[in-house]
């Protein structure tokens, strides 16, 4: 499983995913088509956004790779324009990185939409 993580990831979800065997690639800088492509969007199973300032990357990622799973893990609200293309929006105050990482790696999250 390859996961791209875009944003500051202050809660450590990327580290928790790596600890469970996921290949994690951090997107450098702002999540744009170029930075997502450079990070390996074509091979990624999941894109995790940790900052809603990068929410414009959601439709960009879905256009480039329609089957990529989009997960947001942030305290900020998901903008309306991105809600229909986001598979899962999680508030860190509600679910810990350990719970989210377990679910993402085990493939339980998003199974209903596949």
C-alpha atoms as a PDB file:
ATOM      1  CA  UNK A   1       0.000   0.000   0.000  1.00  0.00           C
ATOM      2  CA  UNK A   2       1.393   3.393  -1.008  1.00  0.00           C
ATOM      3  CA  UNK A   3       0.129   6.506   0.732  1.00  0.00           C
ATOM      4  CA  UNK A   4       0.922  10.093  -0.179  1.00  0.00           C
ATOM      5  CA  UNK A   5       0.739  12.494   2.766  1.00  0.00           C
ATOM      6  CA  UNK A   6       0.273  16.172   1.976  1.00  0.00           C
ATOM      7  CA  UNK A   7       0.419  18.815   4.658  1.00  0.00           C
ATOM      8  CA  UNK A   8       2.257  19.238   7.940  1.00  0.00           C
ATOM      9  CA  UNK A   9       1.000  15.987   9.549  1.00  0.00           C
ATOM     10  CA  UNK A  10       1.443  17.318  13.083  1.00  0.00           C
ATOM     11  CA  UNK A  11      -0.452  14.321  14.491  1.00  0.00           C
ATOM     12  CA  UNK A  12       1.954  11.804  12.937  1.00  0.00           C
ATOM     13  CA  UNK A  13      -0.433   9.809  10.757  1.00  0.00           C
ATOM     14  CA  UNK A  14       2.303   9.212   8.181  1.00  0.00           C
ATOM     15  CA  UNK A  15       4.583   7.726  10.836  1.00  0.00           C
ATOM     16  CA  UNK A  16       1.758   5.534  12.130  1.00  0.00           C
ATOM     17  CA  UNK A  17       1.075   4.272   8.600  1.00  0.00           C
ATOM     18  CA  UNK A  18       4.774   3.508   8.065  1.00  0.00           C
ATOM     19  CA  UNK A  19       4.859   1.601  11.362  1.00  0.00           C
ATOM     20  CA  UNK A  20       2.103  -0.627   9.966  1.00  0.00           C
ATOM     21  CA  UNK A  21       3.956  -1.367   6.735  1.00  0.00           C
ATOM     22  CA  UNK A  22       2.563   1.244   4.363  1.00  0.00           C
ATOM     23  CA  UNK A  23       4.948   2.939   1.970  1.00  0.00           C
ATOM     24  CA  UNK A  24       4.519   6.620   2.814  1.00  0.00           C
ATOM     25  CA  UNK A  25       5.664   9.415   0.517  1.00  0.00           C
ATOM     26  CA  UNK A  26       5.475  12.978   1.766  1.00  0.00           C
ATOM     27  CA  UNK A  27       4.349  15.548  -0.777  1.00  0.00           C
ATOM     28  CA  UNK A  28       6.872  18.386  -0.860  1.00  0.00           C
ATOM     29  CA  UNK A  29       5.396  21.851  -0.423  1.00  0.00           C
ATOM     30  CA  UNK A  30       1.877  22.707  -1.502  1.00  0.00           C
ATOM     31  CA  UNK A  31      -0.127  19.847  -2.982  1.00  0.00           C
ATOM     32  CA  UNK A  32      -0.402  20.664  -6.685  1.00  0.00           C
ATOM     33  CA  UNK A  33      -0.598  18.500  -9.783  1.00  0.00           C
ATOM     34  CA  UNK A  34       3.178  18.767 -10.172  1.00  0.00           C
ATOM     35  CA  UNK A  35       4.025  17.962  -6.543  1.00  0.00           C
ATOM     36  CA  UNK A  36       1.523  15.076  -6.456  1.00  0.00           C
ATOM     37  CA  UNK A  37       2.945  13.668  -9.692  1.00  0.00           C
ATOM     38  CA  UNK A  38       6.500  14.046  -8.402  1.00  0.00           C
ATOM     39  CA  UNK A  39       5.522  12.222  -5.200  1.00  0.00           C
ATOM     40  CA  UNK A  40       4.142   9.287  -7.197  1.00  0.00           C
ATOM     41  CA  UNK A  41       0.388   9.804  -7.446  1.00  0.00           C
ATOM     42  CA  UNK A  42       0.236   7.294 -10.318  1.00  0.00           C
ATOM     43  CA  UNK A  43       1.300   4.488  -7.960  1.00  0.00           C
ATOM     44  CA  UNK A  44      -0.499   5.696  -4.824  1.00  0.00           C
ATOM     45  CA  UNK A  45      -3.472   3.913  -3.326  1.00  0.00           C
ATOM     46  CA  UNK A  46      -4.380   6.751  -0.957  1.00  0.00           C
ATOM     47  CA  UNK A  47      -3.824  10.491  -0.652  1.00  0.00           C
ATOM     48  CA  UNK A  48      -4.024  11.854   2.886  1.00  0.00           C
ATOM     49  CA  UNK A  49      -4.437  15.596   3.327  1.00  0.00           C
ATOM     50  CA  UNK A  50      -3.668  17.039   6.749  1.00  0.00           C
ATOM     51  CA  UNK A  51      -4.311  20.681   5.887  1.00  0.00           C
ATOM     52  CA  UNK A  52      -7.499  21.942   4.271  1.00  0.00           C
ATOM     53  CA  UNK A  53      -5.475  24.726   2.616  1.00  0.00           C
ATOM     54  CA  UNK A  54      -4.490  21.900   0.229  1.00  0.00           C
ATOM     55  CA  UNK A  55      -8.104  20.859  -0.468  1.00  0.00           C
ATOM     56  CA  UNK A  56      -7.845  22.053  -4.068  1.00  0.00           C
ATOM     57  CA  UNK A  57      -5.572  19.041  -4.576  1.00  0.00           C
ATOM     58  CA  UNK A  58      -8.540  16.699  -4.130  1.00  0.00           C
ATOM     59  CA  UNK A  59     -10.188  17.273  -7.530  1.00  0.00           C
ATOM     60  CA  UNK A  60      -6.736  17.488  -9.122  1.00  0.00           C
ATOM     61  CA  UNK A  61      -5.781  14.078  -7.733  1.00  0.00           C
ATOM     62  CA  UNK A  62      -9.122  12.508  -8.694  1.00  0.00           C
ATOM     63  CA  UNK A  63      -8.817  13.856 -12.232  1.00  0.00           C
ATOM     64  CA  UNK A  64      -5.314  12.451 -12.584  1.00  0.00           C
ATOM     65  CA  UNK A  65      -6.124   9.136 -10.878  1.00  0.00           C
ATOM     66  CA  UNK A  66      -9.868   8.532 -10.387  1.00  0.00           C
ATOM     67  CA  UNK A  67      -9.418   5.445  -8.197  1.00  0.00           C
ATOM     68  CA  UNK A  68      -7.116   7.062  -5.616  1.00  0.00           C
ATOM     69  CA  UNK A  69      -8.699   7.057  -2.163  1.00  0.00           C
ATOM     70  CA  UNK A  70      -8.835  10.545  -0.628  1.00  0.00           C
ATOM     71  CA  UNK A  71      -8.661  10.850   3.163  1.00  0.00           C
ATOM     72  CA  UNK A  72      -8.536  14.096   5.102  1.00  0.00           C
ATOM     73  CA  UNK A  73      -7.188  14.095   8.647  1.00  0.00           C
ATOM     74  CA  UNK A  74      -7.550  17.652   9.855  1.00  0.00           C
ATOM     75  CA  UNK A  75      -9.378  19.776  12.379  1.00  0.00           C
ATOM     76  CA  UNK A  76     -10.471  22.287   9.726  1.00  0.00           C
ATOM     77  CA  UNK A  77     -13.688  21.748   7.803  1.00  0.00           C
ATOM     78  CA  UNK A  78     -13.555  20.186   4.377  1.00  0.00           C
ATOM     79  CA  UNK A  79     -14.578  22.775   1.763  1.00  0.00           C
ATOM     80  CA  UNK A  80     -17.902  22.105   0.066  1.00  0.00           C
ATOM     81  CA  UNK A  81     -16.335  21.814  -3.404  1.00  0.00           C
ATOM     82  CA  UNK A  82     -14.247  18.816  -2.301  1.00  0.00           C
ATOM     83  CA  UNK A  83     -16.809  16.851  -0.295  1.00  0.00           C
ATOM     84  CA  UNK A  84     -18.130  14.773  -3.164  1.00  0.00           C
ATOM     85  CA  UNK A  85     -14.657  13.562  -4.116  1.00  0.00           C
ATOM     86  CA  UNK A  86     -13.391  12.802  -0.621  1.00  0.00           C
ATOM     87  CA  UNK A  87     -13.728   9.227   0.539  1.00  0.00           C
ATOM     88  CA  UNK A  88     -13.231   9.905   4.225  1.00  0.00           C
ATOM     89  CA  UNK A  89     -12.949  13.058   6.347  1.00  0.00           C
ATOM     90  CA  UNK A  90     -11.656  12.515   9.876  1.00  0.00           C
ATOM     91  CA  UNK A  91     -11.224  14.962  12.718  1.00  0.00           C
ATOM     92  CA  UNK A  92      -8.115  14.087  14.777  1.00  0.00           C
ATOM     93  CA  UNK A  93     -10.037  14.978  17.938  1.00  0.00           C
ATOM     94  CA  UNK A  94     -12.395  12.073  17.214  1.00  0.00           C
ATOM     95  CA  UNK A  95     -10.068   9.292  16.045  1.00  0.00           C
ATOM     96  CA  UNK A  96      -6.418   8.792  16.947  1.00  0.00           C
ATOM     97  CA  UNK A  97      -3.706   8.236  14.356  1.00  0.00           C
ATOM     98  CA  UNK A  98      -3.389   4.649  15.548  1.00  0.00           C
ATOM     99  CA  UNK A  99      -7.040   3.854  14.859  1.00  0.00           C
ATOM    100  CA  UNK A 100      -6.970   5.587  11.471  1.00  0.00           C
ATOM    101  CA  UNK A 101      -3.693   3.941  10.436  1.00  0.00           C
ATOM    102  CA  UNK A 102      -4.975   0.496  11.438  1.00  0.00           C
ATOM    103  CA  UNK A 103      -8.138   0.975   9.415  1.00  0.00           C
ATOM    104  CA  UNK A 104      -6.396   2.374   6.340  1.00  0.00           C
ATOM    105  CA  UNK A 105      -3.727  -0.326   6.239  1.00  0.00           C
ATOM    106  CA  UNK A 106      -6.165  -3.139   6.916  1.00  0.00           C
ATOM    107  CA  UNK A 107      -8.315  -1.844   4.061  1.00  0.00           C
ATOM    108  CA  UNK A 108     -11.442  -1.474   6.172  1.00  0.00           C
ATOM    109  CA  UNK A 109     -11.950   2.234   5.597  1.00  0.00           C
ATOM    110  CA  UNK A 110     -13.607   2.962   2.278  1.00  0.00           C
ATOM    111  CA  UNK A 111     -14.439  -0.659   1.501  1.00  0.00           C
ATOM    112  CA  UNK A 112     -18.077   0.230   1.041  1.00  0.00           C
ATOM    113  CA  UNK A 113     -17.248   2.603  -1.831  1.00  0.00           C
ATOM    114  CA  UNK A 114     -14.984   0.180  -3.690  1.00  0.00           C
END
